[in-house]
Amino acid sequence: MKKLFLFGVIAILLGCKKDNTPSNDQLIGKWEYRGTSCYCTPPDPNSVKPGNGNIIVFTANTYKRLKKDTLIKSGTYRTRKYDNAHEQIMYDNDTSSNSITFFRIEGKILTFYGTVPLAADGPEDHYEKL
């Protein structure tokens, strides 16, 4: 009887394994470019104003990149937790390290960090949810 109980407890614990895939609910929607932070040339001021037309649209598993209502790229994406503090997005099932981008969402701001989490002098692209 004890063995059966122990087996049941182990089965429940293994069944409750935490999923490493974050919910895409916060990502779903339309996001417009608001600028880049880095030690680099600042963007054109007109490219960061509301209505600039540099848009990313996410559904539950697809994305579209638009520039002034022209489709630049579209496909599928998925997200995953990298660790407790960082999430990654991978576009079009491309598993090469250059295609996996770190991101975070704080309120209505989506920030992409590039291929390493929070590089000290790396660029950060900021988008605002519309």
Protein backbone atom coordinates (compact mmCIF):
# COMPACT_ATOMS: atom_id res chain seq x y z
CA MET A 1 0.00 0.00 0.00
CA LYS A 2 2.86 2.40 0.86
CA LYS A 3 4.52 1.66 -2.48
CA LEU A 4 1.29 2.43 -4.33
CA PHE A 5 0.89 5.71 -2.40
CA LEU A 6 4.54 6.67 -3.10
CA PHE A 7 4.09 5.85 -6.79
CA GLY A 8 0.98 8.08 -6.89
CA VAL A 9 2.80 11.00 -5.24
CA ILE A 10 5.73 10.70 -7.68
CA ALA A 11 3.34 10.56 -10.64
CA ILE A 12 1.57 13.73 -9.46
CA LEU A 13 4.85 15.58 -8.93
CA LEU A 14 6.12 14.62 -12.37
CA GLY A 15 2.79 15.59 -13.91
CA CYS A 16 3.03 19.05 -12.33
CA LYS A 17 6.30 19.86 -14.06
CA LYS A 18 6.36 23.59 -14.79
CA ASP A 19 6.10 24.49 -18.45
CA ASN A 20 9.06 26.56 -19.66
CA THR A 21 6.97 28.30 -22.32
CA PRO A 22 5.60 31.68 -21.26
CA SER A 23 2.10 32.78 -22.18
CA ASN A 24 1.99 34.86 -25.34
CA ASP A 25 -1.08 36.75 -24.12
CA GLN A 26 0.88 39.91 -23.30
CA LEU A 27 2.64 39.82 -26.66
CA ILE A 28 -0.53 39.50 -28.75
CA GLY A 29 -1.47 42.77 -30.39
CA LYS A 30 -0.12 45.62 -32.46
CA TRP A 31 3.16 47.32 -31.45
CA GLU A 32 4.70 50.46 -32.94
CA TYR A 33 8.41 51.33 -32.88
CA ARG A 34 9.36 54.07 -30.41
CA GLY A 35 13.14 54.12 -30.58
CA THR A 36 16.44 52.43 -29.87
CA SER A 37 18.57 52.88 -26.77
CA CYS A 38 22.29 52.26 -27.20
CA TYR A 39 25.70 53.79 -27.69
CA CYS A 40 24.94 54.29 -31.35
CA THR A 41 23.62 56.90 -33.75
CA PRO A 42 20.16 57.98 -32.57
CA PRO A 43 17.25 57.13 -34.85
CA ASP A 44 15.62 59.72 -37.09
CA PRO A 45 13.19 61.63 -34.83
CA ASN A 46 10.35 61.06 -37.34
CA SER A 47 10.83 57.28 -37.10
CA VAL A 48 9.88 57.19 -33.41
CA LYS A 49 6.79 59.45 -33.35
CA PRO A 50 3.35 57.87 -33.04
CA GLY A 51 2.03 57.03 -36.49
CA ASN A 52 5.52 56.30 -37.88
CA GLY A 53 4.22 53.05 -39.46
CA ASN A 54 6.95 50.71 -38.16
CA ILE A 55 4.64 48.04 -36.74
CA ILE A 56 4.88 44.47 -35.45
CA VAL A 57 1.62 42.54 -35.11
CA PHE A 58 1.55 39.35 -33.01
CA THR A 59 -1.25 36.80 -32.87
CA ALA A 60 -1.06 33.68 -30.69
CA ASN A 61 1.63 32.16 -32.95
CA THR A 62 2.16 34.39 -36.02
CA TYR A 63 3.76 37.77 -36.61
CA LYS A 64 3.82 40.47 -39.29
CA ARG A 65 6.34 43.30 -39.66
CA LEU A 66 4.98 46.33 -41.49
CA LYS A 67 6.61 49.55 -42.60
CA LYS A 68 4.15 52.25 -43.64
CA ASP A 69 1.42 49.64 -44.31
CA THR A 70 3.78 47.53 -46.48
CA LEU A 71 4.38 43.95 -45.33
CA ILE A 72 8.13 43.46 -44.77
CA LYS A 73 8.08 39.97 -43.26
CA SER A 74 5.65 37.49 -41.73
CA GLY A 75 5.70 34.01 -40.31
CA THR A 76 5.44 32.09 -37.07
CA TYR A 77 7.06 32.62 -33.72
CA ARG A 78 7.28 31.03 -30.32
CA THR A 79 8.51 32.23 -26.97
CA ARG A 80 10.29 30.53 -24.14
CA LYS A 81 11.66 31.37 -20.73
CA TYR A 82 15.45 31.54 -20.72
CA ASP A 83 15.66 31.81 -16.95
CA ASN A 84 13.56 33.41 -14.21
CA ALA A 85 14.30 36.93 -15.44
CA HIS A 86 14.52 36.62 -19.23
CA GLU A 87 12.32 35.49 -22.11
CA GLN A 88 13.25 34.76 -25.71
CA ILE A 89 11.39 34.88 -28.99
CA MET A 90 12.27 32.69 -31.95
CA TYR A 91 10.94 33.50 -35.42
CA ASP A 92 10.09 30.93 -38.11
CA ASN A 93 11.58 27.96 -36.18
CA ASP A 94 15.06 29.31 -36.90
CA THR A 95 17.14 27.92 -34.04
CA SER A 96 20.38 29.69 -34.97
CA SER A 97 21.64 31.89 -32.16
CA ASN A 98 21.32 35.02 -34.32
CA SER A 99 17.57 34.46 -34.72
CA ILE A 100 16.64 34.10 -31.07
CA THR A 101 15.99 37.46 -29.43
CA PHE A 102 15.58 38.37 -25.78
CA PHE A 103 12.60 40.54 -24.87
CA ARG A 104 10.56 41.89 -22.00
CA ILE A 105 7.21 43.60 -21.63
CA GLU A 106 6.67 46.29 -19.02
CA GLY A 107 3.21 47.81 -19.14
CA LYS A 108 2.65 48.94 -22.73
CA ILE A 109 6.36 48.82 -23.69
CA LEU A 110 7.93 45.86 -25.50
CA THR A 111 11.74 45.86 -25.53
CA PHE A 112 13.94 43.63 -27.70
CA TYR A 113 17.54 43.17 -26.48
CA GLY A 114 19.19 41.12 -29.17
CA THR A 115 20.87 37.76 -28.85
CA VAL A 116 22.20 38.18 -25.29
CA PRO A 117 20.15 39.14 -22.23
CA LEU A 118 20.61 42.79 -21.31
CA ALA A 119 23.98 43.49 -22.88
CA ALA A 120 25.52 46.50 -21.13
CA ASP A 121 26.10 48.49 -24.31
CA GLY A 122 23.87 46.60 -26.75
CA PRO A 123 20.93 48.17 -28.54
CA GLU A 124 17.43 47.94 -27.11
CA ASP A 125 14.53 48.42 -29.54
CA HIS A 126 11.38 49.78 -27.90
CA TYR A 127 7.80 49.34 -29.14
CA GLU A 128 4.57 50.67 -27.67
CA LYS A 129 1.34 48.69 -27.70
CA LEU A 130 -1.37 50.38 -29.76
